[in-house]
Amino acid sequence: MKRVLQVVALCLFVVSAWGLPTERDHHSSQPRWTFTVGPGTVVAVHALDVAFVGRCYIVKYQTERGEIIEIRDLQHKGTPVLEGMHGLLTYSTNPEMILNFQVVEPKSAK
């Protein structure tokens, strides 16, 4: 009888130590803060393979005022951008990703 109780107690401790699987909260992947900047130009786009995450894109965007903004698009579910594109950029910081890119014709110098 003592041996049976020891085995049952051991099974309970081992099972409780493993824990239960948790489901991922889908609400946390929604953007909390979004920003629209521009007009400006996409200066560089770099692809980076990150372990356990997959491919991520690093986009450098320069506004007409001279500000450089660097966004790490980890989810890559937003709008694809290419070097040299000119327009308005909408991005989020949590999670960090590009949400939209609206192409705008550059102002011509008169």
Protein backbone atom coordinates (compact mmCIF):
# COMPACT_ATOMS: atom_id res chain seq x y z
CA MET A 1 0.00 0.00 0.00
CA LYS A 2 2.83 2.39 0.87
CA ARG A 3 4.49 1.73 -2.49
CA VAL A 4 1.24 2.46 -4.39
CA LEU A 5 0.83 5.81 -2.60
CA GLN A 6 4.44 6.71 -3.45
CA VAL A 7 3.88 5.94 -7.15
CA VAL A 8 0.63 7.95 -7.21
CA ALA A 9 2.30 10.91 -5.49
CA LEU A 10 5.24 10.73 -7.91
CA CYS A 11 2.87 10.71 -10.90
CA LEU A 12 0.99 13.74 -9.57
CA PHE A 13 4.19 15.72 -9.01
CA VAL A 14 5.59 14.86 -12.45
CA VAL A 15 2.37 15.75 -14.27
CA SER A 16 1.99 19.05 -12.40
CA ALA A 17 5.64 19.92 -13.10
CA TRP A 18 5.07 19.60 -16.85
CA GLY A 19 2.40 22.26 -16.79
CA LEU A 20 -0.38 22.77 -19.26
CA PRO A 21 0.00 24.10 -22.79
CA THR A 22 -1.20 27.66 -23.16
CA GLU A 23 -2.91 29.17 -26.14
CA ARG A 24 -1.43 32.26 -27.71
CA ASP A 25 -3.40 35.43 -27.18
CA HIS A 26 -4.40 36.61 -30.65
CA HIS A 27 -5.29 40.07 -29.40
CA SER A 28 -1.68 40.87 -28.54
CA SER A 29 -0.63 40.75 -32.20
CA GLN A 30 -2.89 43.69 -33.07
CA PRO A 31 -1.02 47.00 -33.42
CA ARG A 32 -1.22 49.21 -30.33
CA TRP A 33 0.36 52.34 -31.84
CA THR A 34 0.39 53.29 -35.49
CA PHE A 35 2.26 56.16 -37.14
CA THR A 36 2.03 57.71 -40.59
CA VAL A 37 5.10 59.58 -41.80
CA GLY A 38 6.10 61.14 -45.05
CA PRO A 39 6.20 61.82 -47.80
CA GLY A 40 9.56 60.16 -48.13
CA THR A 41 11.58 57.51 -49.93
CA VAL A 42 12.48 53.93 -49.06
CA VAL A 43 16.28 54.05 -48.86
CA ALA A 44 17.07 50.37 -48.24
CA VAL A 45 15.38 47.00 -47.78
CA HIS A 46 17.37 44.13 -46.24
CA ALA A 47 16.18 40.55 -45.76
CA LEU A 48 17.44 38.82 -42.63
CA ASP A 49 16.93 35.16 -41.66
CA VAL A 50 16.41 35.00 -37.89
CA ALA A 51 16.51 31.70 -36.00
CA PHE A 52 13.11 30.58 -34.63
CA VAL A 53 11.37 33.58 -36.26
CA GLY A 54 12.05 33.11 -39.95
CA ARG A 55 12.67 35.81 -42.51
CA CYS A 56 12.38 39.41 -41.40
CA TYR A 57 12.80 42.58 -43.42
CA ILE A 58 14.59 45.71 -42.27
CA VAL A 59 13.32 48.81 -44.08
CA LYS A 60 15.04 52.20 -43.93
CA TYR A 61 12.80 55.10 -44.87
CA GLN A 62 13.91 58.73 -45.22
CA THR A 63 11.38 61.54 -44.99
CA GLU A 64 11.68 64.72 -47.02
CA ARG A 65 12.68 66.47 -43.78
CA GLY A 66 15.73 64.19 -43.55
CA GLU A 67 14.55 61.88 -40.74
CA ILE A 68 15.59 58.23 -41.12
CA ILE A 69 13.18 55.63 -39.76
CA GLU A 70 14.18 51.97 -39.49
CA ILE A 71 11.46 49.35 -39.18
CA ARG A 72 12.00 45.65 -38.56
CA ASP A 73 9.06 43.99 -40.26
CA LEU A 74 9.05 40.64 -38.41
CA GLN A 75 5.61 39.42 -39.42
CA HIS A 76 5.81 40.61 -43.04
CA LYS A 77 2.03 40.66 -43.38
CA GLY A 78 1.92 44.29 -44.42
CA THR A 79 2.47 45.97 -47.75
CA PRO A 80 5.68 45.03 -49.59
CA VAL A 81 8.01 47.94 -50.28
CA LEU A 82 10.98 48.28 -52.61
CA GLU A 83 14.01 50.54 -52.62
CA GLY A 84 13.28 53.87 -54.27
CA MET A 85 9.53 53.87 -53.61
CA HIS A 86 8.26 57.35 -52.71
CA GLY A 87 5.17 57.89 -50.59
CA LEU A 88 3.51 57.87 -47.19
CA LEU A 89 4.46 55.08 -44.77
CA THR A 90 2.14 53.76 -42.05
CA TYR A 91 3.77 51.47 -39.49
CA SER A 92 3.23 50.13 -35.99
CA THR A 93 5.70 49.76 -33.15
CA ASN A 94 4.11 46.94 -31.15
CA PRO A 95 4.30 44.60 -33.03
CA GLU A 96 6.81 46.31 -35.28
CA MET A 97 5.59 46.05 -38.87
CA ILE A 98 4.64 48.02 -41.97
CA LEU A 99 0.88 48.41 -42.26
CA ASN A 100 0.52 50.44 -45.44
CA PHE A 101 2.53 52.30 -48.05
CA GLN A 102 0.70 54.85 -50.20
CA VAL A 103 2.66 55.81 -53.30
CA VAL A 104 2.85 59.58 -53.87
CA GLU A 105 4.46 61.35 -56.80
CA PRO A 106 7.57 63.29 -55.69
CA LYS A 107 7.34 67.07 -55.85
CA SER A 108 9.18 68.43 -58.84
CA ALA A 109 11.60 71.30 -58.27
CA LYS A 110 10.37 74.49 -59.91
